[in-house]
C-alpha atoms as a PDB file:
ATOM      1  CA  MET A   1     -22.499   8.828  19.286  1.00  0.00           C
ATOM      2  CA  GLY A   2     -24.255   9.002  15.943  1.00  0.00           C
ATOM      3  CA  ASN A   3     -20.918   9.605  14.227  1.00  0.00           C
ATOM      4  CA  ALA A   4     -19.467   6.352  15.627  1.00  0.00           C
ATOM      5  CA  MET A   5     -22.476   4.386  14.374  1.00  0.00           C
ATOM      6  CA  HIS A   6     -22.110   5.987  10.947  1.00  0.00           C
ATOM      7  CA  HIS A   7     -18.398   5.056  10.912  1.00  0.00           C
ATOM      8  CA  ASP A   8     -19.203   1.431  11.858  1.00  0.00           C
ATOM      9  CA  HIS A   9     -21.824   1.288   9.109  1.00  0.00           C
ATOM     10  CA  ASP A  10     -19.297   2.602   6.556  1.00  0.00           C
ATOM     11  CA  GLN A  11     -16.723   0.010   7.628  1.00  0.00           C
ATOM     12  CA  GLY A  12     -19.308  -2.769   7.364  1.00  0.00           C
ATOM     13  CA  LEU A  13     -20.292  -1.603   3.899  1.00  0.00           C
ATOM     14  CA  ALA A  14     -16.645  -1.398   2.798  1.00  0.00           C
ATOM     15  CA  LEU A  15     -15.960  -4.911   4.094  1.00  0.00           C
ATOM     16  CA  THR A  16     -19.055  -6.284   2.351  1.00  0.00           C
ATOM     17  CA  LEU A  17     -18.051  -4.691  -0.966  1.00  0.00           C
ATOM     18  CA  ALA A  18     -14.489  -5.977  -0.616  1.00  0.00           C
ATOM     19  CA  VAL A  19     -15.692  -9.540  -0.008  1.00  0.00           C
ATOM     20  CA  LEU A  20     -18.103  -9.355  -2.945  1.00  0.00           C
ATOM     21  CA  LEU A  21     -15.390  -8.021  -5.265  1.00  0.00           C
ATOM     22  CA  LEU A  22     -12.907 -10.663  -4.122  1.00  0.00           C
ATOM     23  CA  THR A  23     -15.455 -13.457  -4.553  1.00  0.00           C
ATOM     24  CA  GLY A  24     -16.572 -12.253  -7.987  1.00  0.00           C
ATOM     25  CA  THR A  25     -13.013 -11.791  -9.188  1.00  0.00           C
ATOM     26  CA  ALA A  26     -12.024 -15.237  -7.909  1.00  0.00           C
ATOM     27  CA  LEU A  27     -14.970 -16.831  -9.729  1.00  0.00           C
ATOM     28  CA  LEU A  28     -14.166 -15.062 -12.999  1.00  0.00           C
ATOM     29  CA  VAL A  29     -10.473 -15.896 -12.820  1.00  0.00           C
ATOM     30  CA  SER A  30     -11.349 -19.494 -11.941  1.00  0.00           C
ATOM     31  CA  CYS A  31     -13.431 -19.754 -15.114  1.00  0.00           C
ATOM     32  CA  TRP A  32     -10.610 -18.322 -17.203  1.00  0.00           C
ATOM     33  CA  VAL A  33      -7.519 -20.096 -15.862  1.00  0.00           C
ATOM     34  CA  GLY A  34      -8.762 -22.906 -13.616  1.00  0.00           C
ATOM     35  CA  PRO A  35      -9.247 -23.420  -9.907  1.00  0.00           C
ATOM     36  CA  LEU A  36      -5.658 -24.319  -8.985  1.00  0.00           C
ATOM     37  CA  ALA A  37      -4.172 -21.204 -10.572  1.00  0.00           C
ATOM     38  CA  THR A  38      -6.901 -19.079  -8.975  1.00  0.00           C
ATOM     39  CA  PHE A  39      -6.278 -20.536  -5.528  1.00  0.00           C
ATOM     40  CA  THR A  40      -2.544 -19.970  -5.914  1.00  0.00           C
ATOM     41  CA  ALA A  41      -2.981 -16.356  -7.023  1.00  0.00           C
ATOM     42  CA  VAL A  42      -5.442 -15.531  -4.228  1.00  0.00           C
ATOM     43  CA  ALA A  43      -3.252 -17.260  -1.626  1.00  0.00           C
ATOM     44  CA  VAL A  44      -0.199 -15.298  -2.762  1.00  0.00           C
ATOM     45  CA  LEU A  45      -2.137 -12.024  -2.556  1.00  0.00           C
ATOM     46  CA  VAL A  46      -3.465 -12.802   0.937  1.00  0.00           C
ATOM     47  CA  VAL A  47      -0.059 -13.878   2.260  1.00  0.00           C
ATOM     48  CA  THR A  48       1.573 -10.819   0.709  1.00  0.00           C
ATOM     49  CA  ALA A  49      -0.998  -8.476   2.249  1.00  0.00           C
ATOM     50  CA  TYR A  50      -0.497 -10.162   5.617  1.00  0.00           C
ATOM     51  CA  ALA A  51       3.326 -10.240   5.543  1.00  0.00           C
ATOM     52  CA  ALA A  52       4.124  -6.947   3.791  1.00  0.00           C
ATOM     53  CA  PRO A  53       3.654  -4.557   6.761  1.00  0.00           C
ATOM     54  CA  GLY A  54       5.914  -6.620   9.046  1.00  0.00           C
ATOM     55  CA  LEU A  55       8.518  -7.022   6.321  1.00  0.00           C
ATOM     56  CA  ALA A  56       8.495  -3.293   5.554  1.00  0.00           C
ATOM     57  CA  ARG A  57       8.826  -2.480   9.265  1.00  0.00           C
ATOM     58  CA  GLY A  58      11.785  -4.867   9.613  1.00  0.00           C
ATOM     59  CA  LEU A  59      13.525  -3.380   6.592  1.00  0.00           C
ATOM     60  CA  ALA A  60      12.961   0.154   7.895  1.00  0.00           C
ATOM     61  CA  ILE A  61      14.440  -0.785  11.266  1.00  0.00           C
ATOM     62  CA  ARG A  62      17.504  -2.362   9.629  1.00  0.00           C
ATOM     63  CA  ARG A  63      18.010   0.745   7.478  1.00  0.00           C
ATOM     64  CA  ALA A  64      17.683   3.058  10.491  1.00  0.00           C
ATOM     65  CA  VAL A  65      20.208   1.028  12.501  1.00  0.00           C
ATOM     66  CA  ARG A  66      22.628   0.996   9.565  1.00  0.00           C
ATOM     67  CA  GLN A  67      22.316   4.785   9.182  1.00  0.00           C
ATOM     68  CA  LEU A  68      22.785   5.242  12.921  1.00  0.00           C
ATOM     69  CA  LEU A  69      25.930   3.118  12.865  1.00  0.00           C
ATOM     70  CA  ARG A  70      27.296   5.069   9.903  1.00  0.00           C
ATOM     71  CA  GLY A  71      26.778   8.305  11.789  1.00  0.00           C
ATOM     72  CA  LEU A  72      28.744   7.162  14.830  1.00  0.00           C
ATOM     73  CA  PRO A  73      32.435   8.047  15.059  1.00  0.00           C
ATOM     74  CA  GLY A  74      34.463   5.051  13.898  1.00  0.00           C
ATOM     75  CA  GLY A  75      31.631   3.782  11.662  1.00  0.00           C
ATOM     76  CA  PRO A  76      30.246   0.262  11.626  1.00  0.00           C
ATOM     77  CA  VAL A  77      32.416  -2.564  12.883  1.00  0.00           C
ATOM     78  CA  SER A  78      33.463  -5.010  10.209  1.00  0.00           C
ATOM     79  CA  CYS A  79      34.717  -8.545  10.723  1.00  0.00           C
ATOM     80  CA  CYS A  80      37.369  -8.168   8.026  1.00  0.00           C
ATOM     81  CA  GLU A  81      39.304  -5.159   6.877  1.00  0.00           C
ATOM     82  CA  CYS A  82      39.552  -5.282   3.087  1.00  0.00           C
END
Protein backbone atom coordinates (compact mmCIF):
# COMPACT_ATOMS: atom_id res chain seq x y z
CA MET A 1 0.00 0.00 0.00
CA GLY A 2 2.83 2.39 0.75
CA ASN A 3 4.26 1.77 -2.71
CA ALA A 4 1.01 2.90 -4.39
CA MET A 5 0.99 6.11 -2.35
CA HIS A 6 4.61 6.76 -3.30
CA HIS A 7 3.75 6.19 -6.98
CA ASP A 8 0.80 8.63 -6.76
CA HIS A 9 3.04 11.21 -5.10
CA ASP A 10 5.63 10.82 -7.88
CA GLN A 11 2.96 11.26 -10.56
CA GLY A 12 1.62 14.36 -8.82
CA LEU A 13 5.11 15.82 -8.61
CA ALA A 14 5.79 15.04 -12.28
CA LEU A 15 2.52 16.68 -13.33
CA THR A 16 3.25 19.76 -11.22
CA LEU A 17 6.73 20.13 -12.73
CA ALA A 18 5.36 19.67 -16.25
CA VAL A 19 2.74 22.38 -15.73
CA LEU A 20 5.32 24.76 -14.25
CA LEU A 21 7.73 24.16 -17.14
CA LEU A 22 4.98 24.62 -19.72
CA THR A 23 3.76 27.82 -18.07
CA GLY A 24 7.26 29.27 -17.71
CA THR A 25 8.19 28.40 -21.27
CA ALA A 26 4.95 29.89 -22.60
CA LEU A 27 5.59 33.13 -20.69
CA LEU A 28 9.16 33.41 -21.97
CA VAL A 29 8.19 32.66 -25.55
CA SER A 30 5.32 35.13 -25.27
CA CYS A 31 7.77 37.86 -24.26
CA TRP A 32 10.06 37.02 -27.17
CA VAL A 33 7.65 36.51 -30.08
CA GLY A 34 4.25 37.75 -28.90
CA PRO A 35 1.10 36.17 -27.53
CA LEU A 36 -0.47 35.08 -30.83
CA ALA A 37 2.60 33.16 -31.98
CA THR A 38 2.93 31.60 -28.52
CA PHE A 39 -0.70 30.50 -28.47
CA THR A 40 -0.35 29.02 -31.95
CA ALA A 41 2.82 27.11 -31.06
CA VAL A 42 1.39 25.74 -27.80
CA ALA A 43 -1.89 24.79 -29.50
CA VAL A 44 -0.02 22.93 -32.25
CA LEU A 45 2.04 21.04 -29.66
CA VAL A 46 -1.04 20.07 -27.62
CA VAL A 47 -3.02 18.95 -30.67
CA THR A 48 -0.02 17.00 -31.96
CA ALA A 49 0.48 15.25 -28.62
CA TYR A 50 -3.23 14.41 -28.52
CA ALA A 51 -3.53 13.20 -32.14
CA ALA A 52 -0.16 11.47 -32.65
CA PRO A 53 -0.91 8.15 -30.87
CA GLY A 54 -4.16 7.61 -32.80
CA LEU A 55 -2.52 8.57 -36.08
CA ALA A 56 0.42 6.24 -35.45
CA ARG A 57 -1.95 3.40 -34.56
CA GLY A 58 -3.97 3.96 -37.75
CA LEU A 59 -0.84 3.99 -39.89
CA ALA A 60 0.43 0.80 -38.23
CA ILE A 61 -2.88 -0.94 -38.89
CA ARG A 62 -2.86 0.12 -42.55
CA ARG A 63 0.71 -1.13 -42.94
CA ALA A 64 -0.12 -4.47 -41.30
CA VAL A 65 -3.16 -4.97 -43.54
CA ARG A 66 -1.11 -4.10 -46.63
CA GLN A 67 1.60 -6.59 -45.62
CA LEU A 68 -1.04 -9.24 -44.92
CA LEU A 69 -2.59 -8.70 -48.34
CA ARG A 70 0.81 -8.93 -50.01
CA GLY A 71 1.44 -12.24 -48.30
CA LEU A 72 -1.78 -13.81 -49.54
CA PRO A 73 -1.70 -15.86 -52.74
CA GLY A 74 -2.86 -13.66 -55.62
CA GLY A 75 -1.71 -10.47 -53.86
CA PRO A 76 -3.79 -7.35 -53.35
CA VAL A 77 -6.72 -6.71 -55.64
CA SER A 78 -6.28 -3.72 -57.90
CA CYS A 79 -9.01 -1.81 -59.70
CA CYS A 80 -6.91 -1.46 -62.85
CA GLU A 81 -4.28 -3.71 -64.32
CA CYS A 82 -1.45 -1.53 -65.63
